[in-house]
């Protein structure tokens, strides 16, 4: 009896061996809120991370996520966070909590004296967790998890991860330290004190509007 030909099997094995690993085994997961409750998936991924978590998040007000990052820091992971000044200045933001627990934090501030100009935002919502990328419209807030209509894609595609890593490094260069922002505000205040006051011309000065915090999306 003639032995079965093994050539097709060998060719198949050779073909699989030549396929790039990132292509052959890449996997992506899609989540929607409030249906899929992305926060529980995010916290699980943070808890299972082995080496690093680099996050660029516009708004971080959910304490559970902040505590998960702190626990990851205690496990020895490299944790780096970039956020917008809206989150850093928010009374609900968790930037100070993270900094107090050793998490490296950079804030995207635009130093401008023009109060009438809309400043650019650091509006990203992505994280690099080990060699995976978490990205979408999802802010790290309770509202984003339970109320808003948001989306998340979590992927391990290498080319995607490499591009997000490169962009994260660019973002860090565009941020300033918190103490630099304080120095700038102090200079602004000193300049206002030294500036000569203008005499009133019969009209009462307009009342200044109270500062309002941005809506937590």
Protein backbone atom coordinates (compact mmCIF):
# COMPACT_ATOMS: atom_id res chain seq x y z
CA UNK A 1 0.00 0.00 0.00
CA UNK A 2 1.38 3.38 -1.04
CA UNK A 3 2.12 5.82 1.79
CA UNK A 4 0.05 9.04 1.73
CA UNK A 5 1.80 12.07 0.32
CA UNK A 6 2.96 14.45 3.08
CA UNK A 7 3.94 17.29 0.76
CA UNK A 8 0.73 19.36 1.23
CA UNK A 9 1.11 19.17 5.00
CA UNK A 10 4.73 20.26 4.82
CA UNK A 11 3.84 23.15 2.54
CA UNK A 12 1.10 24.24 4.96
CA UNK A 13 3.50 24.17 7.91
CA UNK A 14 6.06 26.14 5.91
CA UNK A 15 3.41 28.73 4.98
CA UNK A 16 2.31 29.16 8.60
CA UNK A 17 5.92 29.52 9.70
CA UNK A 18 6.46 32.36 7.24
CA UNK A 19 3.44 34.34 8.40
CA UNK A 20 4.48 37.24 10.70
CA UNK A 21 3.59 36.58 14.31
CA UNK A 22 1.73 39.88 14.66
CA UNK A 23 -0.49 38.88 11.74
CA UNK A 24 -0.99 35.25 12.60
CA UNK A 25 -1.96 35.73 16.22
CA UNK A 26 -3.29 39.30 16.38
CA UNK A 27 -6.56 39.67 18.21
CA UNK A 28 -8.90 42.60 18.71
CA UNK A 29 -11.80 43.08 21.12
CA UNK A 30 -14.55 45.68 20.73
CA UNK A 31 -16.50 47.06 23.70
CA UNK A 32 -19.36 49.52 23.98
CA UNK A 33 -20.67 51.42 26.95
CA UNK A 34 -22.89 51.33 28.81
CA UNK A 35 -23.69 47.85 27.44
CA UNK A 36 -20.33 46.13 28.03
CA UNK A 37 -19.17 48.13 31.09
CA UNK A 38 -15.62 48.71 29.75
CA UNK A 39 -14.23 49.73 33.16
CA UNK A 40 -14.27 46.17 34.49
CA UNK A 41 -12.33 45.01 31.41
CA UNK A 42 -9.87 47.87 31.78
CA UNK A 43 -9.23 47.14 35.46
CA UNK A 44 -8.76 43.45 34.67
CA UNK A 45 -6.22 44.27 31.96
CA UNK A 46 -4.39 46.60 34.34
CA UNK A 47 -4.32 43.87 36.99
CA UNK A 48 -2.94 41.33 34.50
CA UNK A 49 -0.29 43.66 33.04
CA UNK A 50 3.30 42.46 33.40
CA UNK A 51 5.63 45.28 32.38
CA UNK A 52 4.14 48.70 31.53
CA UNK A 53 1.07 50.89 31.25
CA UNK A 54 1.40 54.14 29.30
CA UNK A 55 -1.88 56.04 29.20
CA UNK A 56 -2.93 59.27 27.48
CA UNK A 57 -6.36 60.07 28.91
CA UNK A 58 -8.24 63.34 28.59
CA UNK A 59 -10.30 62.87 31.77
CA UNK A 60 -9.54 60.52 34.67
CA UNK A 61 -11.99 60.82 37.56
CA UNK A 62 -12.82 57.18 38.34
CA UNK A 63 -11.08 56.31 41.61
CA UNK A 64 -11.30 52.55 40.94
CA UNK A 65 -9.16 52.93 37.83
CA UNK A 66 -6.70 55.20 39.65
CA UNK A 67 -6.34 52.66 42.46
CA UNK A 68 -5.77 49.87 39.91
CA UNK A 69 -2.92 51.91 38.42
CA UNK A 70 -1.46 52.49 41.88
CA UNK A 71 -1.56 48.75 42.62
CA UNK A 72 0.20 48.09 39.31
CA UNK A 73 2.86 50.62 40.31
CA UNK A 74 3.34 48.79 43.61
CA UNK A 75 3.89 45.55 41.65
CA UNK A 76 6.84 47.21 39.94
CA UNK A 77 5.28 48.10 36.58
CA UNK A 78 6.36 51.17 34.62
CA UNK A 79 3.29 53.42 34.87
CA UNK A 80 3.18 56.70 32.95
CA UNK A 81 0.17 58.95 32.54
CA UNK A 82 -0.48 61.93 30.27
CA UNK A 83 -3.64 63.92 30.87
CA UNK A 84 -5.17 67.24 29.94
CA UNK A 85 -5.13 70.29 32.20
CA UNK A 86 -8.93 69.94 32.51
CA UNK A 87 -8.40 66.69 34.38
CA UNK A 88 -5.45 67.99 36.39
CA UNK A 89 -7.40 71.06 37.54
CA UNK A 90 -10.69 69.28 38.12
CA UNK A 91 -11.72 68.78 41.76
CA UNK A 92 -12.76 65.27 40.75
CA UNK A 93 -9.54 64.42 38.89
CA UNK A 94 -7.19 61.75 40.23
CA UNK A 95 -3.89 63.24 39.04
CA UNK A 96 -2.74 64.31 42.51
CA UNK A 97 -3.68 60.91 43.96
CA UNK A 98 -1.59 59.16 41.33
CA UNK A 99 1.36 61.52 41.76
CA UNK A 100 1.26 61.05 45.54
CA UNK A 101 1.65 57.30 44.96
CA UNK A 102 4.62 57.56 42.64
CA UNK A 103 2.90 57.42 39.25
CA UNK A 104 4.75 59.50 36.66
CA UNK A 105 2.28 62.09 35.42
CA UNK A 106 2.57 64.66 32.63
CA UNK A 107 -0.02 67.35 32.00
CA UNK A 108 -0.80 68.93 28.66
CA UNK A 109 -0.95 72.66 29.34
CA UNK A 110 -0.81 75.44 26.79
CA UNK A 111 0.96 78.51 28.10
CA UNK A 112 -0.95 81.44 26.67
CA UNK A 113 -1.91 84.85 28.01
CA UNK A 114 -4.88 85.15 25.68
CA UNK A 115 -7.85 84.25 27.85
CA UNK A 116 -10.27 84.55 24.94
CA UNK A 117 -8.53 81.96 22.82
CA UNK A 118 -9.56 78.33 22.89
CA UNK A 119 -6.54 76.30 23.88
CA UNK A 120 -5.79 72.95 22.23
CA UNK A 121 -6.72 69.84 24.19
CA UNK A 122 -4.99 66.57 24.86
CA UNK A 123 -8.15 64.72 23.87
CA UNK A 124 -6.77 61.18 23.50
CA UNK A 125 -8.19 58.20 25.35
CA UNK A 126 -5.66 55.44 24.79
CA UNK A 127 -3.39 53.21 26.81
CA UNK A 128 -0.53 50.88 25.97
CA UNK A 129 -0.78 47.89 28.30
CA UNK A 130 2.29 45.68 27.83
CA UNK A 131 2.15 45.23 24.03
CA UNK A 132 -1.58 45.85 23.66
CA UNK A 133 -3.46 49.04 22.81
CA UNK A 134 -6.69 50.21 24.46
CA UNK A 135 -8.26 53.05 22.48
CA UNK A 136 -11.57 54.65 21.56
CA UNK A 137 -13.87 57.41 22.82
CA UNK A 138 -13.90 56.11 26.40
CA UNK A 139 -12.73 58.51 29.11
CA UNK A 140 -11.77 56.94 32.43
CA UNK A 141 -14.82 58.24 34.27
CA UNK A 142 -17.89 56.72 35.89
CA UNK A 143 -20.19 58.49 33.42
CA UNK A 144 -18.33 57.04 30.45
CA UNK A 145 -18.83 53.56 31.87
CA UNK A 146 -22.46 53.75 32.99
CA UNK A 147 -24.20 56.58 31.12
CA UNK A 148 -22.47 57.64 27.93
CA UNK A 149 -22.45 55.96 24.54
CA UNK A 150 -18.76 55.11 24.11
CA UNK A 151 -16.57 52.64 22.26
CA UNK A 152 -13.30 50.82 22.92
CA UNK A 153 -11.02 48.68 20.76
CA UNK A 154 -8.40 46.53 22.50
CA UNK A 155 -5.84 45.04 20.15
CA UNK A 156 -2.46 43.32 20.23
CA UNK A 157 -1.43 44.18 16.66
CA UNK A 158 2.26 45.02 16.79
CA UNK A 159 2.26 47.76 14.14
CA UNK A 160 -0.61 49.51 15.92
CA UNK A 161 1.16 49.29 19.28
CA UNK A 162 4.42 50.63 17.82
CA UNK A 163 2.65 53.66 16.37
CA UNK A 164 0.86 54.44 19.63
CA UNK A 165 4.16 54.14 21.52
CA UNK A 166 5.79 56.64 19.18
CA UNK A 167 2.88 59.06 19.59
CA UNK A 168 2.99 58.70 23.38
CA UNK A 169 6.63 59.83 23.38
CA UNK A 170 5.71 62.81 21.19
CA UNK A 171 2.95 63.75 23.62
CA UNK A 172 5.35 63.70 26.56
CA UNK A 173 7.51 66.25 24.77
CA UNK A 174 4.47 68.49 24.31
CA UNK A 175 3.61 68.48 28.00
CA UNK A 176 4.98 70.68 30.73
CA UNK A 177 5.63 69.93 34.37
CA UNK A 178 3.08 71.02 36.94
CA UNK A 179 5.59 73.33 38.64
CA UNK A 180 6.18 75.14 35.31
CA UNK A 181 2.46 75.82 35.07
CA UNK A 182 2.46 77.22 38.61
CA UNK A 183 5.38 79.52 37.74
CA UNK A 184 3.52 80.78 34.70
CA UNK A 185 0.36 81.49 36.71
CA UNK A 186 2.43 83.29 39.35
CA UNK A 187 4.00 85.52 36.68
CA UNK A 188 0.54 86.30 35.31
CA UNK A 189 -0.68 87.27 38.79
CA UNK A 190 2.37 89.48 39.42
CA UNK A 191 1.90 91.20 36.07
CA UNK A 192 -1.73 91.95 36.89
CA UNK A 193 -0.76 93.46 40.25
CA UNK A 194 1.87 95.72 38.65
CA UNK A 195 -0.40 96.82 35.81
CA UNK A 196 -1.92 100.31 36.37
CA UNK A 197 -5.60 100.25 37.12
CA UNK A 198 -7.91 102.01 34.70
CA UNK A 199 -10.31 104.63 36.11
CA UNK A 200 -13.97 103.75 35.92
CA UNK A 201 -16.03 105.91 33.57
CA UNK A 202 -19.32 105.86 35.37
CA UNK A 203 -20.19 102.30 34.53
CA UNK A 204 -19.82 99.53 37.03
CA UNK A 205 -17.39 96.80 36.00
CA UNK A 206 -18.97 93.69 34.61
CA UNK A 207 -19.16 90.82 37.07
CA UNK A 208 -16.74 88.03 36.24
CA UNK A 209 -18.33 84.72 35.49
CA UNK A 210 -17.51 81.99 37.94
CA UNK A 211 -15.14 79.38 36.57
CA UNK A 212 -16.99 76.23 35.61
CA UNK A 213 -15.45 72.81 35.26
CA UNK A 214 -15.83 70.92 31.98
CA UNK A 215 -18.50 68.29 31.68
CA UNK A 216 -17.04 64.90 32.46
CA UNK A 217 -17.60 62.93 29.28
